[in-house]
Amino acid sequence: MDLQLQDKVIIVTGGAKGIGEGIVRVLAQEGAIPVIIGRNAADNQQAVAAIAAAGGRAGQVAAELAEPAECQKAVQAVVAQFGRIDGLVNNAGVNDGVGLESGNYEDFMRSLHRNVVHYYLMAHHALPELIKSQGAIVNITSKTAETGQGNTSAYAAANGGRNALTREWAVELLKYNIRVNAVMVAESWTPAYETWIKTLPNPEEKLREITSKIPLGNRMTTAEELANTTAFLLSPRSSHTTGQILHVDGGYVHLDRALANA
C-alpha cells in the first residue's frame, strides 16, 4: 500500500535510536523526509547517514527538548531548512524511575519536562505549519499510563498526560482537519530496554519471564511494527482516524496474560 507520504516533512523527536529510529527508517522507506530532533548531534547525524546510505532522505536538528526554549528553536530550524512541516511524531522520553517513595519535587518536575512538557511544546510550536499542511500528530506513549509499573510515578504520570493530550488535541484541532493519535508501547526491545534489563540480577531469566507473558507469539514488539502503525496514522490512508490510542503490544495490556502459556 502506498501511504502517500512522498516528500512529506515529518519531525520525529528522539529519532536517532530505538523506536524513534525505527519510525525514521520506515518513513524514509515510504518516501517521506523524517527530521530527527535529539540532544546528541553525532547520533542524529549517524542516523541520517544510515538513511542516506539506504537511498532515503532525512534531516536532523540537535536540541535538548527538556529545555523549553530548545523546542521552539528546533521547530524554527526545521522550517528554515525544509520550509514546511507535514507531521509530528512526539517520541523522545525516558523511564527515569522517579518513584513515590524514592522521588522528590525536583526530580518529579524534571521528569515531566523530559517526558511530556516537550510533547506539548513541540505541538504548540509546530501547529502553524501543521495548520497549513493539514498534517497529523502521533504521540508515542507507554503502557505505564494504564497498567502502572511501580517506582516510576513521574513517567506514568507523563504517559497519562500524553494519552489525555492526544484526545484533547484531536478535539481542539478538528477545525483544522489535523488528526491526532497515539501509539502505545508495552514491551519492545530497544537499546534502552537492553541497558535496563542488564541492571537486574538475572537478566536472561527476567527477559524470558517478560516475553512469556506477551500473548501474541511470546515475543516483544519490534520497533518496525511500532513504526508501521505510526506511519499509517501519519498518512492520508488513515484519513478518518483521530483521537485513538492504538496498543501495538501483542495483546499485552488487554488480553488475559494467562493465554500466553495456554
Protein backbone atom coordinates (compact mmCIF):
# COMPACT_ATOMS: atom_id res chain seq x y z
CA MET A 1 0.00 0.00 0.00
CA ASP A 2 1.29 3.44 -0.94
CA LEU A 3 0.94 5.56 2.20
CA GLN A 4 1.12 8.76 0.15
CA LEU A 5 3.91 10.19 2.28
CA GLN A 6 6.24 11.09 -0.58
CA ASP A 7 8.20 14.29 0.21
CA LYS A 8 6.29 14.88 3.47
CA VAL A 9 8.46 16.56 6.11
CA ILE A 10 7.85 14.81 9.42
CA ILE A 11 9.54 15.66 12.71
CA VAL A 12 10.48 12.65 14.86
CA THR A 13 11.75 13.54 18.32
CA GLY A 14 14.25 11.08 19.71
CA GLY A 15 14.58 9.66 16.21
CA ALA A 16 18.22 8.60 16.33
CA LYS A 17 17.81 5.39 18.34
CA GLY A 18 15.33 2.75 19.43
CA ILE A 19 11.68 3.14 18.49
CA GLY A 20 12.31 6.60 17.04
CA GLU A 21 14.99 5.25 14.72
CA GLY A 22 12.58 2.57 13.56
CA ILE A 23 9.98 5.22 12.78
CA VAL A 24 12.52 7.31 10.88
CA ARG A 25 13.60 4.31 8.81
CA VAL A 26 10.04 3.33 7.84
CA LEU A 27 9.10 6.93 6.97
CA ALA A 28 12.16 7.25 4.73
CA GLN A 29 11.26 3.97 3.02
CA GLU A 30 7.86 5.49 2.28
CA GLY A 31 9.50 8.48 0.58
CA ALA A 32 8.96 10.94 3.42
CA ILE A 33 11.66 13.23 4.79
CA PRO A 34 11.90 12.48 8.51
CA VAL A 35 13.68 15.13 10.56
CA ILE A 36 15.31 13.80 13.71
CA ILE A 37 15.35 16.05 16.75
CA GLY A 38 17.54 14.84 19.59
CA ARG A 39 20.13 16.04 22.02
CA ASN A 40 23.15 14.25 20.52
CA ALA A 41 24.20 15.69 17.16
CA ALA A 42 26.59 12.80 16.46
CA ASP A 43 23.83 10.22 16.99
CA ASN A 44 21.45 12.27 14.84
CA GLN A 45 23.97 12.53 12.02
CA GLN A 46 24.77 8.83 12.16
CA ALA A 47 21.08 8.01 11.77
CA VAL A 48 20.74 10.45 8.86
CA ALA A 49 23.78 8.89 7.18
CA ALA A 50 22.25 5.42 7.52
CA ILE A 51 19.07 6.66 5.83
CA ALA A 52 21.08 8.24 3.02
CA ALA A 53 23.08 5.02 2.54
CA ALA A 54 19.79 3.17 2.09
CA GLY A 55 18.69 5.65 -0.58
CA GLY A 56 16.40 7.78 1.56
CA ARG A 57 16.35 11.36 2.75
CA ALA A 58 16.38 12.70 6.30
CA GLY A 59 17.40 15.73 8.30
CA GLN A 60 18.37 16.46 11.87
CA VAL A 61 18.40 19.19 14.48
CA ALA A 62 20.33 18.89 17.73
CA ALA A 63 18.25 20.10 20.69
CA GLU A 64 17.72 19.32 24.36
CA LEU A 65 13.95 19.13 24.43
CA ALA A 66 13.79 19.11 28.22
CA GLU A 67 14.70 22.80 27.91
CA PRO A 68 11.53 24.65 26.80
CA ALA A 69 13.32 27.24 24.69
CA GLU A 70 15.04 24.49 22.70
CA CYS A 71 11.68 23.20 21.46
CA GLN A 72 10.83 26.44 19.69
CA LYS A 73 14.33 26.74 18.25
CA ALA A 74 14.16 23.19 16.93
CA VAL A 75 10.86 23.77 15.13
CA GLN A 76 12.17 27.03 13.69
CA ALA A 77 15.26 25.23 12.43
CA VAL A 78 13.15 22.60 10.66
CA VAL A 79 11.03 25.26 8.95
CA ALA A 80 14.14 27.22 7.96
CA GLN A 81 15.69 24.12 6.40
CA PHE A 82 12.67 22.47 4.77
CA GLY A 83 10.06 25.23 4.51
CA ARG A 84 7.19 23.16 5.91
CA ILE A 85 6.07 20.58 8.46
CA ASP A 86 3.61 17.85 7.42
CA GLY A 87 3.68 15.72 10.54
CA LEU A 88 4.97 15.45 14.09
CA VAL A 89 5.90 12.31 16.00
CA ASN A 90 6.41 13.02 19.69
CA ASN A 91 8.58 10.12 20.79
CA ALA A 92 11.50 11.30 22.94
CA GLY A 93 11.48 10.36 26.61
CA VAL A 94 12.96 8.12 29.26
CA ASN A 95 11.62 5.89 32.01
CA ASP A 96 13.76 7.52 34.68
CA GLY A 97 12.45 5.72 37.76
CA VAL A 98 11.21 8.68 39.78
CA GLY A 99 9.02 6.86 42.27
CA LEU A 100 6.74 7.93 45.09
CA GLU A 101 8.99 6.82 47.94
CA SER A 102 12.30 7.46 46.22
CA GLY A 103 11.49 10.69 44.38
CA ASN A 104 11.17 14.36 45.27
CA TYR A 105 9.66 17.51 43.80
CA GLU A 106 12.69 18.47 41.74
CA ASP A 107 13.12 15.01 40.20
CA PHE A 108 9.39 14.71 39.51
CA MET A 109 9.20 18.03 37.71
CA ARG A 110 12.41 17.33 35.78
CA SER A 111 10.93 14.03 34.62
CA LEU A 112 7.75 15.73 33.41
CA HIS A 113 9.89 18.06 31.29
CA ARG A 114 11.75 15.07 29.89
CA ASN A 115 8.62 13.14 29.10
CA VAL A 116 5.52 15.26 28.48
CA VAL A 117 6.13 19.01 28.60
CA HIS A 118 8.06 18.91 25.32
CA TYR A 119 5.21 16.93 23.72
CA TYR A 120 3.02 19.98 24.32
CA LEU A 121 5.68 22.50 23.30
CA MET A 122 6.64 20.71 20.07
CA ALA A 123 2.99 20.53 19.03
CA HIS A 124 2.38 24.14 20.05
CA HIS A 125 5.30 25.49 18.03
CA ALA A 126 4.71 23.21 15.02
CA LEU A 127 0.99 24.00 14.88
CA PRO A 128 1.11 26.96 12.48
CA GLU A 129 2.85 24.78 9.89
CA LEU A 130 0.60 21.80 10.57
CA ILE A 131 -2.44 24.02 10.01
CA LYS A 132 -1.04 24.99 6.60
CA SER A 133 -0.38 21.38 5.61
CA GLN A 134 -3.36 19.83 7.42
CA GLY A 135 -0.79 17.48 8.86
CA ALA A 136 -1.02 14.84 11.56
CA ILE A 137 0.39 14.26 15.03
CA VAL A 138 1.28 10.90 16.56
CA ASN A 139 2.22 10.68 20.23
CA ILE A 140 4.23 7.64 21.31
CA THR A 141 3.07 6.58 24.76
CA SER A 142 3.61 3.77 27.26
CA LYS A 143 1.58 1.07 28.97
CA THR A 144 2.67 2.51 32.32
CA ALA A 145 -0.18 5.02 31.98
CA GLU A 146 -2.72 2.18 32.11
CA THR A 147 -1.07 -0.70 33.94
CA GLY A 148 1.31 1.01 36.34
CA GLN A 149 4.77 -0.42 36.86
CA GLY A 150 5.95 0.57 40.30
CA ASN A 151 8.66 3.07 41.26
CA THR A 152 8.06 5.26 38.22
CA SER A 153 5.40 7.78 39.27
CA ALA A 154 6.69 10.59 37.08
CA TYR A 155 6.93 8.51 33.92
CA ALA A 156 3.48 7.01 34.48
CA ALA A 157 2.04 10.48 35.06
CA ALA A 158 3.74 11.77 31.90
CA ASN A 159 2.27 8.98 29.82
CA GLY A 160 -1.16 9.56 31.29
CA GLY A 161 -0.68 13.14 30.16
CA ARG A 162 0.36 12.00 26.67
CA ASN A 163 -2.83 9.97 26.37
CA ALA A 164 -5.00 12.83 27.60
CA LEU A 165 -3.32 15.33 25.28
CA THR A 166 -3.92 13.01 22.33
CA ARG A 167 -7.66 13.10 22.90
CA GLU A 168 -7.68 16.81 23.81
CA TRP A 169 -5.76 17.86 20.72
CA ALA A 170 -7.91 15.64 18.49
CA VAL A 171 -10.90 17.68 19.67
CA GLU A 172 -9.22 21.09 19.53
CA LEU A 173 -7.74 20.56 16.07
CA LEU A 174 -10.83 19.17 14.33
CA LYS A 175 -11.49 22.58 12.84
CA TYR A 176 -8.11 22.43 11.06
CA ASN A 177 -8.58 18.85 9.82
CA ILE A 178 -5.50 17.85 11.81
CA ARG A 179 -5.67 14.29 13.08
CA VAL A 180 -4.06 13.32 16.40
CA ASN A 181 -3.49 9.74 17.52
CA ALA A 182 -1.21 7.77 19.82
CA VAL A 183 0.69 4.51 19.60
CA MET A 184 1.06 2.77 22.94
CA VAL A 185 4.19 0.70 23.60
CA ALA A 186 4.28 -2.17 26.08
CA GLU A 187 7.35 -4.40 25.74
CA SER A 188 9.67 -3.51 22.86
CA TRP A 189 13.35 -4.40 22.54
CA THR A 190 15.44 -1.25 22.24
CA PRO A 191 18.96 -0.26 23.34
CA ALA A 192 17.44 1.46 26.38
CA TYR A 193 15.48 -1.68 27.28
CA GLU A 194 18.60 -3.81 26.93
CA THR A 195 20.53 -1.44 29.20
CA TRP A 196 17.76 -1.61 31.81
CA ILE A 197 17.42 -5.37 31.85
CA LYS A 198 21.17 -5.82 32.27
CA THR A 199 20.92 -3.99 35.59
CA LEU A 200 18.78 -6.82 37.01
CA PRO A 201 20.24 -9.76 38.97
CA ASN A 202 19.23 -12.42 36.40
CA PRO A 203 18.59 -10.54 33.14
CA GLU A 204 18.13 -13.56 30.88
CA GLU A 205 15.67 -15.19 33.28
CA LYS A 206 13.78 -11.91 33.64
CA LEU A 207 13.58 -11.49 29.88
CA ARG A 208 12.14 -14.99 29.49
CA GLU A 209 9.60 -14.21 32.20
CA ILE A 210 8.53 -10.98 30.46
CA THR A 211 8.20 -12.45 26.97
CA SER A 212 6.29 -15.45 28.32
CA LYS A 213 3.51 -13.03 29.35
CA ILE A 214 3.10 -11.44 25.92
CA PRO A 215 0.08 -13.29 24.48
CA LEU A 216 0.79 -12.99 20.75
CA GLY A 217 3.87 -15.05 19.96
CA ASN A 218 5.53 -14.78 23.37
CA ARG A 219 7.83 -12.14 21.95
CA MET A 220 8.47 -8.45 22.19
CA THR A 221 7.06 -5.93 19.75
CA THR A 222 9.66 -4.76 17.25
CA ALA A 223 10.47 -1.13 16.55
CA GLU A 224 9.44 -1.74 12.94
CA GLU A 225 5.98 -2.91 13.99
CA LEU A 226 5.50 0.24 16.04
CA ALA A 227 6.86 2.30 13.15
CA ASN A 228 4.49 0.75 10.61
CA THR A 229 1.47 1.74 12.68
CA THR A 230 2.90 5.22 13.24
CA ALA A 231 3.47 5.74 9.52
CA PHE A 232 -0.09 4.63 8.76
CA LEU A 233 -1.51 7.10 11.29
CA LEU A 234 0.52 9.90 9.71
CA SER A 235 -0.70 9.05 6.23
CA PRO A 236 -3.83 10.05 4.31
CA ARG A 237 -4.69 6.33 4.31
CA SER A 238 -5.91 6.82 7.89
CA SER A 239 -7.90 9.90 6.91
CA HIS A 240 -10.85 9.27 9.24
CA THR A 241 -8.93 8.15 12.32
CA THR A 242 -8.36 10.63 15.14
CA GLY A 243 -8.31 10.65 18.93
CA GLN A 244 -7.30 6.99 19.05
CA ILE A 245 -4.76 5.25 21.29
CA LEU A 246 -3.58 2.16 19.43
CA HIS A 247 -1.98 -0.59 21.50
CA VAL A 248 0.71 -2.24 19.38
CA ASP A 249 1.71 -4.73 22.03
CA GLY A 250 0.86 -8.31 21.10
CA GLY A 251 -2.15 -8.15 23.39
CA TYR A 252 -0.05 -7.43 26.48
CA VAL A 253 -2.30 -4.78 28.04
CA HIS A 254 -5.78 -6.01 27.21
CA LEU A 255 -5.64 -9.79 26.78
CA ASP A 256 -5.52 -12.22 29.68
CA ARG A 257 -1.81 -12.94 30.03
CA ALA A 258 -2.64 -16.48 31.11
CA LEU A 259 -3.38 -17.04 27.41
CA ALA A 260 0.32 -16.73 26.68
CA ASN A 261 1.00 -20.11 28.25
CA ALA A 262 -2.26 -21.81 27.36
